[in-house]
Amino acid sequence: MYAVVRTGGKQVRVAPGDALWVERLPGDVGETIELDEVLLVGGEGAPRVGTPTVAGAKVVATIAGHGRGEKIIIFKAKRRKRYRRKLGHRQEYTQIRVEKIEG
């Protein structure tokens, strides 16, 4: 059984037992979370596609850890105008382990 969920503005395909990094979610390590925005459930017979979400479906996962991605440098410059801006960004992530798919 698998599902496609929306989290952090992205769509992710998950299955029970998967460990994946998603954009930062609130909660402490070891807490159980529910992802309610399930867009598709498949694996048993024909896949069920939501409009926009599948009614009554949810993905139960456990928070395994938090972390940050690599630093990204944003550099803007306009030639001959002495305009330069340098910014950095590190995206925060949460590692989750999918326990089960309900619905």
Protein backbone atom coordinates (compact mmCIF):
# COMPACT_ATOMS: atom_id res chain seq x y z
CA MET A 1 0.00 0.00 0.00
CA TYR A 2 1.24 3.49 -0.79
CA ALA A 3 -0.03 7.06 -0.65
CA VAL A 4 0.82 10.47 -2.06
CA VAL A 5 0.69 13.22 0.58
CA ARG A 6 1.16 16.97 0.44
CA THR A 7 3.53 18.41 3.04
CA GLY A 8 5.59 21.56 2.95
CA GLY A 9 4.13 22.55 -0.43
CA LYS A 10 5.46 19.39 -2.05
CA GLN A 11 3.95 16.02 -2.95
CA VAL A 12 5.65 12.90 -1.61
CA ARG A 13 4.95 9.22 -2.26
CA VAL A 14 5.13 7.23 0.98
CA ALA A 15 4.72 3.60 2.04
CA PRO A 16 4.74 2.00 5.51
CA GLY A 17 8.30 1.71 6.80
CA ASP A 18 9.67 4.57 4.69
CA ALA A 19 12.00 7.11 6.29
CA LEU A 20 12.15 10.45 4.51
CA TRP A 21 13.08 14.09 4.98
CA VAL A 22 10.30 16.67 4.65
CA GLU A 23 10.20 20.38 5.36
CA ARG A 24 10.22 21.28 9.05
CA LEU A 25 7.20 20.03 11.02
CA PRO A 26 6.36 21.08 14.59
CA GLY A 27 6.93 18.45 17.26
CA ASP A 28 9.63 16.70 19.23
CA VAL A 29 11.57 13.56 18.35
CA GLY A 30 9.48 10.47 19.05
CA GLU A 31 6.09 12.18 18.70
CA THR A 32 3.44 10.75 16.41
CA ILE A 33 2.03 13.02 13.71
CA GLU A 34 -0.80 12.64 11.22
CA LEU A 35 -0.56 13.86 7.64
CA ASP A 36 -4.16 14.58 6.60
CA GLU A 37 -3.63 15.90 3.07
CA VAL A 38 -3.64 12.54 1.28
CA LEU A 39 -4.01 13.04 -2.48
CA LEU A 40 -3.93 9.41 -3.59
CA VAL A 41 -4.09 5.95 -1.99
CA GLY A 42 -3.06 2.91 -4.00
CA GLY A 43 -1.77 -0.62 -3.78
CA GLU A 44 -4.98 -2.59 -3.14
CA GLY A 45 -7.05 -2.74 -6.30
CA ALA A 46 -7.58 0.48 -8.21
CA PRO A 47 -5.94 3.62 -6.80
CA ARG A 48 -8.27 6.11 -5.09
CA VAL A 49 -7.65 9.66 -6.24
CA GLY A 50 -8.95 12.55 -4.14
CA THR A 51 -10.69 15.71 -5.30
CA PRO A 52 -8.44 17.29 -3.99
CA THR A 53 -7.93 14.93 -1.01
CA VAL A 54 -9.10 11.39 -0.26
CA ALA A 55 -11.89 11.57 2.35
CA GLY A 56 -11.04 9.81 5.61
CA ALA A 57 -7.48 8.92 4.63
CA LYS A 58 -4.44 9.83 6.70
CA VAL A 59 -0.82 8.83 7.10
CA VAL A 60 0.49 8.18 10.61
CA ALA A 61 4.22 8.86 11.06
CA THR A 62 6.77 9.28 13.85
CA ILE A 63 9.29 12.12 14.00
CA ALA A 64 12.76 10.56 13.89
CA GLY A 65 14.84 13.75 13.94
CA HIS A 66 15.36 17.33 12.86
CA GLY A 67 18.15 18.78 10.75
CA ARG A 68 19.24 21.47 8.36
CA GLY A 69 20.25 21.26 4.74
CA GLU A 70 23.35 22.63 3.09
CA LYS A 71 23.84 26.37 2.92
CA ILE A 72 22.73 28.00 -0.31
CA ILE A 73 24.36 31.29 -1.35
CA ILE A 74 22.16 33.87 -3.06
CA PHE A 75 24.23 36.51 -4.84
CA LYS A 76 22.72 39.42 -6.75
CA ALA A 77 24.73 41.96 -8.71
CA LYS A 78 24.11 44.66 -11.28
CA ARG A 79 27.08 45.35 -13.45
CA ARG A 80 28.57 48.85 -13.55
CA LYS A 81 26.22 50.04 -10.74
CA ARG A 82 28.16 48.92 -7.63
CA TYR A 83 25.11 46.94 -6.51
CA ARG A 84 25.89 43.63 -4.79
CA ARG A 85 23.89 41.61 -2.25
CA LYS A 86 24.95 38.32 -0.71
CA LEU A 87 22.51 36.19 1.27
CA GLY A 88 22.66 32.69 2.68
CA HIS A 89 19.90 30.20 3.47
CA ARG A 90 19.73 26.80 5.22
CA GLN A 91 16.43 24.96 4.97
CA GLU A 92 15.25 23.13 8.07
CA TYR A 93 14.03 19.56 7.65
CA THR A 94 12.28 16.90 9.72
CA GLN A 95 12.96 13.20 9.28
CA ILE A 96 9.82 11.09 9.60
CA ARG A 97 9.22 7.35 9.62
CA VAL A 98 5.87 6.26 8.15
CA GLU A 99 4.07 3.83 10.45
CA LYS A 100 0.78 3.15 8.63
CA ILE A 101 -1.66 4.44 6.05
CA GLU A 102 -5.29 4.58 7.14
CA GLY A 103 -8.31 4.88 4.89
